[in-house]
Every structure is written in C-alpha cells, then in structure tokens.
Amino acid sequence: MNNYDLTVQCKQALDLYIKKGIHPGGFLTAVICNDLMSAVGNADDFNIKLIPEYVKYLYNEAPGNCWGSPEAMQSWMEKFR
C-alpha cells in the first residue's frame, strides 16, 4: 500500500470499516459519505488539514462501493451483519 499522511488512529478506524464494516467516528463517517461540511465540522485541528489525504486514501485504496454517499456506507456495513 502507498503511504498516506493519515493519523494512526484514523487509519486503523478506516481499515476496520473497510475490512469488517465497523462504523467509524463522526469525522470519518463524514469523509466516507463525501459530506465536506460535516467532515470539516467534525475534524480536530490536526485532521482538518488531512482531509485531502483521507479522500486520496479512499479513492486509491478502498473499494469504490464502500464510500461516496451515506447509502454506499450503509450498504457496505450491511454486508458484514
């Protein structure tokens, strides 16, 4: 995998979401759902600067059907129930 400038905690949460359908926190949920307003509103001072890195990670490394909208996220998590 390529190197992305993500926090360890958020990278782990994204991987748990992608591999096991585990719901991440509010910030990552907003990023996964492609909701910029909520992503900015839920980001801490550090992660707000990394939003483009999270988007690049999802675009380049995550299955395309697991992100992009609330419906895509919901459908992805339902696969693991």
N, C-alpha and C. Protein backbone atom coordinates (compact mmCIF):
# COMPACT_ATOMS: atom_id res chain seq x y z
N MET A 1 0.82 -1.19 0.00
CA MET A 1 0.00 0.00 0.00
C MET A 1 0.87 1.25 0.00
N ASN A 2 0.36 2.30 -0.59
CA ASN A 2 1.07 3.57 -0.62
C ASN A 2 1.04 4.22 0.75
N ASN A 3 1.94 5.17 0.94
CA ASN A 3 1.96 5.91 2.20
C ASN A 3 1.06 7.13 2.08
N TYR A 4 0.23 7.31 3.06
CA TYR A 4 -0.65 8.46 3.13
C TYR A 4 -0.43 9.11 4.48
N ASP A 5 -0.60 10.41 4.52
CA ASP A 5 -0.39 11.16 5.76
C ASP A 5 -1.67 11.14 6.59
N LEU A 6 -1.95 9.97 7.17
CA LEU A 6 -3.14 9.79 8.00
C LEU A 6 -2.71 9.55 9.44
N THR A 7 -3.56 9.92 10.38
CA THR A 7 -3.24 9.57 11.76
C THR A 7 -3.39 8.06 11.93
N VAL A 8 -2.62 7.50 12.83
CA VAL A 8 -2.66 6.05 13.07
C VAL A 8 -4.06 5.64 13.49
N GLN A 9 -4.65 6.39 14.38
CA GLN A 9 -5.99 6.05 14.88
C GLN A 9 -7.02 6.06 13.76
N CYS A 10 -7.00 7.07 12.92
CA CYS A 10 -7.98 7.14 11.83
C CYS A 10 -7.70 6.09 10.77
N LYS A 11 -6.44 5.81 10.49
CA LYS A 11 -6.09 4.75 9.52
C LYS A 11 -6.63 3.41 10.01
N GLN A 12 -6.45 3.13 11.31
CA GLN A 12 -6.96 1.89 11.87
C GLN A 12 -8.48 1.84 11.79
N ALA A 13 -9.14 2.96 12.08
CA ALA A 13 -10.60 3.00 12.02
C ALA A 13 -11.09 2.80 10.58
N LEU A 14 -10.40 3.40 9.61
CA LEU A 14 -10.77 3.19 8.20
C LEU A 14 -10.59 1.73 7.81
N ASP A 15 -9.50 1.13 8.23
CA ASP A 15 -9.26 -0.27 7.89
C ASP A 15 -10.30 -1.19 8.52
N LEU A 16 -10.70 -0.90 9.76
CA LEU A 16 -11.76 -1.70 10.39
C LEU A 16 -13.09 -1.54 9.65
N TYR A 17 -13.35 -0.34 9.20
CA TYR A 17 -14.56 -0.11 8.43
C TYR A 17 -14.51 -0.89 7.11
N ILE A 18 -13.40 -0.77 6.40
CA ILE A 18 -13.27 -1.41 5.08
C ILE A 18 -13.27 -2.93 5.20
N LYS A 19 -12.55 -3.47 6.17
CA LYS A 19 -12.38 -4.92 6.27
C LYS A 19 -13.46 -5.63 7.06
N LYS A 20 -14.12 -4.90 7.99
CA LYS A 20 -15.09 -5.56 8.86
C LYS A 20 -16.43 -4.85 8.97
N GLY A 21 -16.56 -3.71 8.30
CA GLY A 21 -17.83 -2.98 8.35
C GLY A 21 -18.11 -2.31 9.67
N ILE A 22 -17.06 -2.04 10.45
CA ILE A 22 -17.23 -1.40 11.75
C ILE A 22 -17.37 0.11 11.55
N HIS A 23 -18.42 0.67 12.12
CA HIS A 23 -18.73 2.09 11.96
C HIS A 23 -17.64 2.95 12.62
N PRO A 24 -17.05 3.89 11.85
CA PRO A 24 -16.05 4.79 12.43
C PRO A 24 -16.73 5.97 13.12
N GLY A 25 -15.94 6.88 13.64
CA GLY A 25 -16.49 8.06 14.30
C GLY A 25 -17.08 9.06 13.31
N GLY A 26 -17.54 10.18 13.86
CA GLY A 26 -18.24 11.18 13.06
C GLY A 26 -17.41 11.80 11.95
N PHE A 27 -16.16 12.11 12.23
CA PHE A 27 -15.30 12.70 11.21
C PHE A 27 -15.14 11.75 10.03
N LEU A 28 -14.75 10.52 10.29
CA LEU A 28 -14.53 9.57 9.19
C LEU A 28 -15.83 9.21 8.49
N THR A 29 -16.91 9.14 9.22
CA THR A 29 -18.20 8.89 8.58
C THR A 29 -18.50 9.99 7.57
N ALA A 30 -18.26 11.23 7.94
CA ALA A 30 -18.49 12.34 7.02
C ALA A 30 -17.59 12.25 5.80
N VAL A 31 -16.33 11.89 6.00
CA VAL A 31 -15.40 11.74 4.86
C VAL A 31 -15.87 10.61 3.96
N ILE A 32 -16.20 9.46 4.55
CA ILE A 32 -16.65 8.30 3.78
C ILE A 32 -17.92 8.63 2.99
N CYS A 33 -18.81 9.39 3.60
CA CYS A 33 -20.08 9.74 2.95
C CYS A 33 -19.96 10.92 1.99
N ASN A 34 -18.74 11.45 1.84
CA ASN A 34 -18.50 12.57 0.93
C ASN A 34 -19.26 13.82 1.37
N ASP A 35 -19.32 14.05 2.67
CA ASP A 35 -20.02 15.19 3.25
C ASP A 35 -18.98 16.18 3.79
N LEU A 36 -18.55 17.10 2.93
CA LEU A 36 -17.48 18.02 3.29
C LEU A 36 -17.85 18.90 4.47
N MET A 37 -19.05 19.40 4.52
CA MET A 37 -19.46 20.27 5.63
C MET A 37 -19.33 19.55 6.97
N SER A 38 -19.82 18.33 7.04
CA SER A 38 -19.72 17.57 8.29
C SER A 38 -18.29 17.15 8.59
N ALA A 39 -17.52 16.83 7.55
CA ALA A 39 -16.12 16.46 7.78
C ALA A 39 -15.36 17.62 8.41
N VAL A 40 -15.54 18.80 7.87
CA VAL A 40 -14.89 19.98 8.43
C VAL A 40 -15.42 20.25 9.84
N GLY A 41 -16.69 20.14 10.03
CA GLY A 41 -17.29 20.39 11.33
C GLY A 41 -16.88 19.40 12.40
N ASN A 42 -16.57 18.16 12.02
CA ASN A 42 -16.19 17.12 12.97
C ASN A 42 -14.69 16.93 13.11
N ALA A 43 -13.90 17.58 12.27
CA ALA A 43 -12.45 17.41 12.30
C ALA A 43 -11.82 18.17 13.46
N ASP A 44 -10.78 17.57 14.04
CA ASP A 44 -9.99 18.30 15.01
C ASP A 44 -8.98 19.17 14.26
N ASP A 45 -8.20 19.95 15.00
CA ASP A 45 -7.27 20.88 14.37
C ASP A 45 -6.24 20.19 13.50
N PHE A 46 -5.89 18.97 13.81
CA PHE A 46 -4.90 18.24 13.04
C PHE A 46 -5.51 17.61 11.79
N ASN A 47 -6.62 16.90 11.98
CA ASN A 47 -7.23 16.16 10.86
C ASN A 47 -7.86 17.06 9.81
N ILE A 48 -8.24 18.26 10.17
CA ILE A 48 -8.85 19.14 9.17
C ILE A 48 -7.89 19.40 8.02
N LYS A 49 -6.61 19.43 8.33
CA LYS A 49 -5.59 19.65 7.29
C LYS A 49 -5.35 18.40 6.45
N LEU A 50 -5.79 17.26 6.94
CA LEU A 50 -5.53 15.98 6.27
C LEU A 50 -6.71 15.46 5.46
N ILE A 51 -7.78 16.20 5.39
CA ILE A 51 -8.95 15.73 4.66
C ILE A 51 -8.60 15.28 3.23
N PRO A 52 -7.79 16.04 2.49
CA PRO A 52 -7.42 15.55 1.15
C PRO A 52 -6.70 14.20 1.18
N GLU A 53 -5.90 13.94 2.21
CA GLU A 53 -5.21 12.65 2.32
C GLU A 53 -6.20 11.51 2.53
N TYR A 54 -7.22 11.74 3.37
CA TYR A 54 -8.24 10.71 3.60
C TYR A 54 -9.00 10.42 2.30
N VAL A 55 -9.30 11.47 1.55
CA VAL A 55 -10.01 11.28 0.28
C VAL A 55 -9.13 10.50 -0.69
N LYS A 56 -7.85 10.85 -0.79
CA LYS A 56 -6.94 10.12 -1.67
C LYS A 56 -6.84 8.65 -1.26
N TYR A 57 -6.78 8.41 0.05
CA TYR A 57 -6.71 7.03 0.54
C TYR A 57 -7.94 6.24 0.10
N LEU A 58 -9.11 6.80 0.33
CA LEU A 58 -10.33 6.10 -0.06
C LEU A 58 -10.38 5.89 -1.58
N TYR A 59 -10.04 6.90 -2.33
CA TYR A 59 -10.10 6.80 -3.79
C TYR A 59 -9.14 5.74 -4.32
N ASN A 60 -7.94 5.71 -3.77
CA ASN A 60 -6.90 4.83 -4.30
C ASN A 60 -6.83 3.44 -3.67
N GLU A 61 -7.30 3.30 -2.45
CA GLU A 61 -7.08 2.05 -1.72
C GLU A 61 -8.34 1.31 -1.31
N ALA A 62 -9.46 2.00 -1.21
CA ALA A 62 -10.69 1.37 -0.72
C ALA A 62 -11.57 0.93 -1.89
N PRO A 63 -12.36 -0.11 -1.70
CA PRO A 63 -13.31 -0.49 -2.75
C PRO A 63 -14.25 0.68 -3.06
N GLY A 64 -14.49 0.92 -4.32
CA GLY A 64 -15.30 2.05 -4.73
C GLY A 64 -16.72 2.04 -4.22
N ASN A 65 -17.23 0.87 -3.91
CA ASN A 65 -18.62 0.79 -3.44
C ASN A 65 -18.75 0.94 -1.93
N CYS A 66 -17.66 1.25 -1.21
CA CYS A 66 -17.76 1.39 0.25
C CYS A 66 -17.77 2.85 0.69
N TRP A 67 -17.68 3.78 -0.24
CA TRP A 67 -17.64 5.20 0.12
C TRP A 67 -18.30 6.04 -0.97
N GLY A 68 -18.53 7.31 -0.65
CA GLY A 68 -19.07 8.24 -1.64
C GLY A 68 -20.43 8.80 -1.31
N SER A 69 -21.19 8.10 -0.47
CA SER A 69 -22.52 8.57 -0.08
C SER A 69 -22.95 7.83 1.19
N PRO A 70 -23.93 8.39 1.89
CA PRO A 70 -24.46 7.66 3.06
C PRO A 70 -25.03 6.29 2.68
N GLU A 71 -25.63 6.21 1.51
CA GLU A 71 -26.21 4.94 1.06
C GLU A 71 -25.13 3.90 0.80
N ALA A 72 -24.03 4.34 0.21
CA ALA A 72 -22.92 3.41 -0.04
C ALA A 72 -22.34 2.90 1.27
N MET A 73 -22.21 3.79 2.24
CA MET A 73 -21.67 3.39 3.54
C MET A 73 -22.61 2.40 4.23
N GLN A 74 -23.88 2.70 4.22
CA GLN A 74 -24.87 1.82 4.85
C GLN A 74 -24.87 0.45 4.20
N SER A 75 -24.87 0.43 2.89
CA SER A 75 -24.85 -0.84 2.16
C SER A 75 -23.59 -1.63 2.47
N TRP A 76 -22.46 -0.95 2.56
CA TRP A 76 -21.20 -1.62 2.88
C TRP A 76 -21.27 -2.28 4.25
N MET A 77 -21.73 -1.54 5.24
CA MET A 77 -21.79 -2.08 6.61
C MET A 77 -22.77 -3.22 6.71
N GLU A 78 -23.85 -3.18 5.94
CA GLU A 78 -24.84 -4.26 5.98
C GLU A 78 -24.26 -5.58 5.47
N LYS A 79 -23.26 -5.52 4.60
CA LYS A 79 -22.63 -6.74 4.11
C LYS A 79 -21.99 -7.55 5.22
N PHE A 80 -21.64 -6.92 6.32
CA PHE A 80 -20.92 -7.58 7.40
C PHE A 80 -21.83 -8.02 8.54
N ARG A 81 -23.11 -7.76 8.45
CA ARG A 81 -24.04 -8.15 9.51
C ARG A 81 -24.46 -9.57 9.34
